[in-house]
Amino acid sequence: MLRGGIETAVPRERPRFRPRPLGAEPALLTGLHPVREALRARRRPLERLGLHGSPRPEWEELRALAAAAGVPVVERIAPAARDATGPAPWVWLEAGPLPELDLTELRAARHGPDATLVALDGVEDPQNVGAIARVAEAAGASGLILTRRHAPPLTDAVSRASAGAIEWLPVTRVPNLSRALQTLKDVGFWVLGADPDAEVDLSAAPDAWLRGPRVLVVGAEGVGLRRGVLESIDHRVRIPMSGRVASLNVSTACAVILFEIRRRERVPSG
């Protein structure tokens, strides 16, 4: 396949999710959004739903989702308990690990002409990973690429920070990001890097730089993209800023670029 080319027949097989060792621990999800989306997506093994405290309007929906998924419900109508960290959660879900795809599976299932993957280079904070997952899913990204080292497991903290979006977004975890990017380039993906030291502003970047299928790579705050990863990138862009503090959170920067890609896709060229 030529770089940037697309075959006319794109496989539409359902992705086969497989657990990976780093995220293999069972999870106790808490909070309405993570619990609700886990019950809707049904990608994790689902064990038991807990509803505690005074009944809430959301209970009816959660009971219905649990019933549809065959998940038993434990209800305790009593004042919420408190401990040193504050009140106990009013909703929780005992669940297995969130499965992850192999890179080859993600590539095969998500390789379309407008496919967008988001790759994280050294982003270790679960709050940032969750926030990026939330942005990526909202922007229509096809999947998230993490590294086996320097990336957190997909815990309750990640799901909460993503408002449950991680329950829907396919994830792969690779041993070497540079090699993974080269693998994707070999099958037609273009690689775009978010780099504050880039010479070209995002707003001035040619449309060809943002065309799909593409991988957007973002690095950790204060560190940026590593040298080996930079060598695998086709084009680098910076986000133009006018404020006195020229800094954006990594999830915010990711959002700016992803939605600029979406905007370019919707505007006729020429």
Protein backbone atom coordinates (compact mmCIF):
# COMPACT_ATOMS: atom_id res chain seq x y z
CA MET A 1 0.00 0.00 0.00
CA LEU A 2 1.24 3.49 -0.79
CA ARG A 3 1.79 5.91 2.10
CA GLY A 4 -1.49 7.71 2.64
CA GLY A 5 -3.34 5.22 0.41
CA ILE A 6 -6.39 3.24 1.40
CA GLU A 7 -7.69 -0.06 0.15
CA THR A 8 -11.28 0.03 -1.04
CA ALA A 9 -12.31 -2.95 1.10
CA VAL A 10 -11.85 -2.25 4.80
CA PRO A 11 -12.46 -5.17 7.18
CA ARG A 12 -15.26 -4.56 9.64
CA GLU A 13 -14.73 -7.50 11.95
CA ARG A 14 -15.53 -7.00 15.61
CA PRO A 15 -12.28 -6.38 17.55
CA ARG A 16 -11.12 -9.26 19.73
CA PHE A 17 -10.21 -7.76 23.07
CA ARG A 18 -7.63 -9.55 25.20
CA PRO A 19 -6.47 -8.73 28.72
CA ARG A 20 -2.89 -7.55 29.14
CA PRO A 21 -0.80 -8.16 32.27
CA LEU A 22 -0.41 -4.50 33.30
CA GLY A 23 -4.14 -3.95 33.54
CA ALA A 24 -5.07 -7.43 34.67
CA GLU A 25 -6.15 -6.48 38.18
CA PRO A 26 -9.90 -6.51 38.96
CA ALA A 27 -11.38 -3.06 39.28
CA LEU A 28 -13.86 -1.46 41.62
CA LEU A 29 -15.42 1.28 39.52
CA THR A 30 -17.12 4.14 41.33
CA GLY A 31 -19.17 7.10 40.19
CA LEU A 32 -22.18 7.31 37.92
CA HIS A 33 -20.45 7.83 34.58
CA PRO A 34 -17.78 5.10 34.81
CA VAL A 35 -20.29 2.57 36.16
CA ARG A 36 -22.99 3.43 33.63
CA GLU A 37 -20.63 3.30 30.65
CA ALA A 38 -19.06 0.03 31.80
CA LEU A 39 -22.54 -1.50 32.00
CA ARG A 40 -23.43 -0.14 28.58
CA ALA A 41 -20.18 -1.09 26.82
CA ARG A 42 -19.89 -4.56 28.44
CA ARG A 43 -16.24 -4.86 27.50
CA ARG A 44 -15.16 -5.82 31.02
CA PRO A 45 -16.25 -8.90 32.95
CA LEU A 46 -19.03 -7.47 35.15
CA GLU A 47 -19.51 -9.03 38.58
CA ARG A 48 -21.80 -7.00 40.85
CA LEU A 49 -23.45 -3.58 40.99
CA GLY A 50 -23.81 -1.83 44.32
CA LEU A 51 -26.35 0.93 45.09
CA HIS A 52 -26.07 2.44 48.56
CA GLY A 53 -27.76 5.22 50.48
CA SER A 54 -31.03 6.94 49.74
CA PRO A 55 -32.60 5.97 46.39
CA ARG A 56 -31.74 8.30 43.52
CA PRO A 57 -33.38 8.88 40.12
CA GLU A 58 -30.37 7.23 38.45
CA TRP A 59 -31.02 3.91 40.21
CA GLU A 60 -33.74 2.90 37.76
CA GLU A 61 -31.47 3.26 34.74
CA LEU A 62 -28.60 1.43 36.45
CA ARG A 63 -30.88 -1.43 37.52
CA ALA A 64 -32.11 -1.77 33.94
CA LEU A 65 -28.57 -1.79 32.53
CA ALA A 66 -27.49 -4.36 35.11
CA ALA A 67 -30.48 -6.57 34.32
CA ALA A 68 -29.74 -6.42 30.59
CA ALA A 69 -26.12 -7.40 31.26
CA GLY A 70 -27.06 -10.15 33.74
CA VAL A 71 -25.30 -8.40 36.62
CA PRO A 72 -26.63 -8.91 40.16
CA VAL A 73 -27.50 -5.79 42.14
CA VAL A 74 -26.86 -5.19 45.83
CA GLU A 75 -28.99 -2.41 47.31
CA ARG A 76 -28.60 -0.95 50.75
CA ILE A 77 -31.03 1.81 51.59
CA ALA A 78 -29.23 3.41 54.50
CA PRO A 79 -27.25 6.57 55.22
CA ALA A 80 -23.96 6.49 53.37
CA ALA A 81 -21.05 5.43 55.54
CA ARG A 82 -18.08 7.71 56.04
CA ASP A 83 -14.43 7.05 56.66
CA ALA A 84 -11.27 9.13 56.87
CA THR A 85 -11.41 9.87 53.14
CA GLY A 86 -15.04 11.03 53.10
CA PRO A 87 -18.39 9.45 52.24
CA ALA A 88 -18.53 6.00 50.69
CA PRO A 89 -19.57 5.89 47.02
CA TRP A 90 -23.31 5.58 46.41
CA VAL A 91 -22.69 3.46 43.33
CA TRP A 92 -19.95 0.96 42.60
CA LEU A 93 -19.30 -1.87 40.19
CA GLU A 94 -17.12 -4.89 40.77
CA ALA A 95 -15.58 -5.67 37.39
CA GLY A 96 -12.69 -7.40 35.72
CA PRO A 97 -9.89 -5.64 33.84
CA LEU A 98 -10.59 -3.53 30.79
CA PRO A 99 -9.22 -5.58 27.87
CA GLU A 100 -6.70 -4.28 25.40
CA LEU A 101 -6.08 -5.00 21.72
CA ASP A 102 -2.88 -6.06 20.02
CA LEU A 103 -1.59 -3.34 17.71
CA THR A 104 -2.24 -5.59 14.70
CA GLU A 105 -5.85 -6.07 15.81
CA LEU A 106 -6.36 -2.35 16.38
CA ARG A 107 -4.84 -1.59 12.99
CA ALA A 108 -6.99 -4.13 11.17
CA ALA A 109 -10.23 -3.15 12.86
CA ARG A 110 -9.74 0.62 12.76
CA HIS A 111 -7.96 1.29 9.47
CA GLY A 112 -10.31 3.48 7.45
CA PRO A 113 -9.65 6.58 5.34
CA ASP A 114 -10.49 8.91 8.23
CA ALA A 115 -9.07 6.80 11.07
CA THR A 116 -7.38 8.69 13.89
CA LEU A 117 -5.30 7.02 16.58
CA VAL A 118 -3.87 8.86 19.58
CA ALA A 119 -0.48 7.75 20.91
CA LEU A 120 0.88 8.83 24.31
CA ASP A 121 4.62 9.15 24.81
CA GLY A 122 5.42 9.02 28.50
CA VAL A 123 2.09 10.35 29.80
CA GLU A 124 1.96 8.62 33.21
CA ASP A 125 -0.63 10.57 35.20
CA PRO A 126 -3.93 8.60 35.28
CA GLN A 127 -5.88 11.87 35.34
CA ASN A 128 -4.22 13.01 32.12
CA VAL A 129 -4.64 9.63 30.44
CA GLY A 130 -8.32 9.60 31.39
CA ALA A 131 -8.85 13.16 30.20
CA ILE A 132 -7.15 12.37 26.88
CA ALA A 133 -9.34 9.28 26.47
CA ARG A 134 -12.41 11.44 27.06
CA VAL A 135 -11.30 13.95 24.42
CA ALA A 136 -10.28 11.25 21.94
CA GLU A 137 -13.56 9.40 22.20
CA ALA A 138 -15.53 12.65 21.87
CA ALA A 139 -13.55 13.61 18.76
CA GLY A 140 -14.22 10.26 17.12
CA ALA A 141 -10.74 8.79 17.50
CA SER A 142 -10.47 5.10 16.68
CA GLY A 143 -8.17 4.06 19.49
CA LEU A 144 -5.52 4.92 22.06
CA ILE A 145 -1.91 3.69 22.01
CA LEU A 146 -0.07 3.45 25.33
CA THR A 147 3.38 2.10 26.14
CA ARG A 148 3.95 -0.83 28.47
CA ARG A 149 6.29 1.31 30.55
CA HIS A 150 5.57 4.91 31.52
CA ALA A 151 1.80 4.55 31.21
CA PRO A 152 -0.68 3.71 33.97
CA PRO A 153 -2.96 0.68 34.14
CA LEU A 154 -6.58 1.33 33.20
CA THR A 155 -7.89 1.72 36.73
CA ASP A 156 -10.93 3.35 38.29
CA ALA A 157 -8.97 6.63 38.37
CA VAL A 158 -8.55 6.54 34.58
CA SER A 159 -12.21 5.66 34.03
CA ARG A 160 -13.38 8.44 36.35
CA ALA A 161 -11.13 11.02 34.69
CA SER A 162 -12.48 9.93 31.31
CA ALA A 163 -16.11 10.17 32.52
CA GLY A 164 -16.45 6.57 31.36
CA ALA A 165 -15.14 7.19 27.83
CA ILE A 166 -12.29 4.70 28.32
CA GLU A 167 -14.94 1.97 28.56
CA TRP A 168 -15.63 2.51 24.84
CA LEU A 169 -12.26 3.52 23.40
CA PRO A 170 -10.11 0.62 22.15
CA VAL A 171 -6.65 0.62 23.73
CA THR A 172 -3.39 -1.08 22.81
CA ARG A 173 -0.18 -1.12 24.81
CA VAL A 174 3.10 -1.44 22.92
CA PRO A 175 6.64 -2.21 24.12
CA ASN A 176 8.27 0.36 21.83
CA LEU A 177 6.36 3.37 20.55
CA SER A 178 8.81 4.23 17.78
CA ARG A 179 8.52 0.75 16.29
CA ALA A 180 4.74 0.83 16.63
CA LEU A 181 4.59 4.12 14.74
CA GLN A 182 6.78 2.71 11.98
CA THR A 183 4.49 -0.32 11.72
CA LEU A 184 1.52 1.99 11.25
CA LYS A 185 3.38 4.09 8.70
CA ASP A 186 4.13 0.96 6.71
CA VAL A 187 0.39 0.36 6.22
CA GLY A 188 -0.48 3.92 5.23
CA PHE A 189 -0.83 5.96 8.42
CA TRP A 190 0.67 9.43 8.65
CA VAL A 191 2.15 10.45 12.00
CA LEU A 192 1.55 13.93 13.39
CA GLY A 193 3.37 15.14 16.49
CA ALA A 194 2.30 17.84 18.93
CA ASP A 195 5.53 19.73 19.63
CA PRO A 196 5.76 23.24 21.15
CA ASP A 197 9.14 23.65 19.42
CA ALA A 198 7.78 22.89 15.95
CA GLU A 199 8.29 25.51 13.25
CA VAL A 200 4.73 25.31 11.91
CA ASP A 201 1.58 26.47 13.70
CA LEU A 202 -1.36 24.10 13.65
CA SER A 203 -3.51 26.76 12.01
CA ALA A 204 -0.99 27.11 9.16
CA ALA A 205 -0.37 23.40 8.64
CA PRO A 206 -1.28 22.16 5.15
CA ASP A 207 -4.38 19.99 4.93
CA ALA A 208 -2.19 17.16 3.64
CA TRP A 209 -0.41 17.03 7.00
CA LEU A 210 -3.67 16.26 8.79
CA ARG A 211 -5.14 13.79 6.33
CA GLY A 212 -6.10 10.30 7.40
CA PRO A 213 -5.46 7.68 8.33
CA ARG A 214 -3.30 9.37 10.95
CA VAL A 215 -1.72 8.98 14.37
CA LEU A 216 -1.51 11.97 16.69
CA VAL A 217 1.38 11.67 19.15
CA VAL A 218 1.49 13.74 22.33
CA GLY A 219 4.13 13.71 25.04
CA ALA A 220 4.28 14.30 28.76
CA GLU A 221 4.07 17.86 30.04
CA GLY A 222 7.47 19.41 30.61
CA VAL A 223 9.22 16.58 28.75
CA GLY A 224 7.55 16.45 25.37
CA LEU A 225 8.30 13.86 22.74
CA ARG A 226 11.42 11.75 23.08
CA ARG A 227 14.10 11.90 20.40
CA GLY A 228 13.44 8.40 19.07
CA VAL A 229 9.73 9.14 18.78
CA LEU A 230 10.42 12.46 17.04
CA GLU A 231 12.40 10.60 14.39
CA SER A 232 9.28 8.53 13.59
CA ILE A 233 7.05 11.56 13.07
CA ASP A 234 6.18 12.83 9.61
CA HIS A 235 5.05 16.33 10.60
CA ARG A 236 5.25 18.37 13.79
CA VAL A 237 2.94 21.22 14.71
CA ARG A 238 2.66 23.64 17.58
CA ILE A 239 -0.50 25.22 18.94
CA PRO A 240 -0.45 29.01 18.48
CA MET A 241 -1.02 30.79 21.77
CA SER A 242 -1.39 34.47 22.62
CA GLY A 243 -1.45 34.42 26.42
CA ARG A 244 1.33 35.31 28.81
CA VAL A 245 1.60 31.69 29.94
CA ALA A 246 2.40 29.65 26.85
CA SER A 247 1.36 26.31 28.27
CA LEU A 248 -1.57 23.93 27.90
CA ASN A 249 -2.41 20.77 29.75
CA VAL A 250 -1.63 17.75 27.56
CA SER A 251 -5.28 16.75 27.33
CA THR A 252 -6.25 20.28 26.30
CA ALA A 253 -3.55 20.35 23.66
CA CYS A 254 -4.77 16.99 22.39
CA ALA A 255 -8.33 18.34 22.19
CA VAL A 256 -7.26 21.39 20.18
CA ILE A 257 -5.51 19.29 17.56
CA LEU A 258 -8.13 16.54 17.33
CA PHE A 259 -10.96 18.99 16.80
CA GLU A 260 -8.93 20.95 14.26
CA ILE A 261 -8.57 17.68 12.37
CA ARG A 262 -12.33 17.19 12.57
CA ARG A 263 -12.91 20.74 11.36
CA ARG A 264 -10.59 20.26 8.37
CA GLU A 265 -12.40 17.05 7.43
CA ARG A 266 -15.72 18.90 7.27
CA VAL A 267 -14.46 21.88 5.24
CA PRO A 268 -14.24 21.23 1.46
CA SER A 269 -10.68 21.72 0.18
CA GLY A 270 -9.92 24.20 -2.54
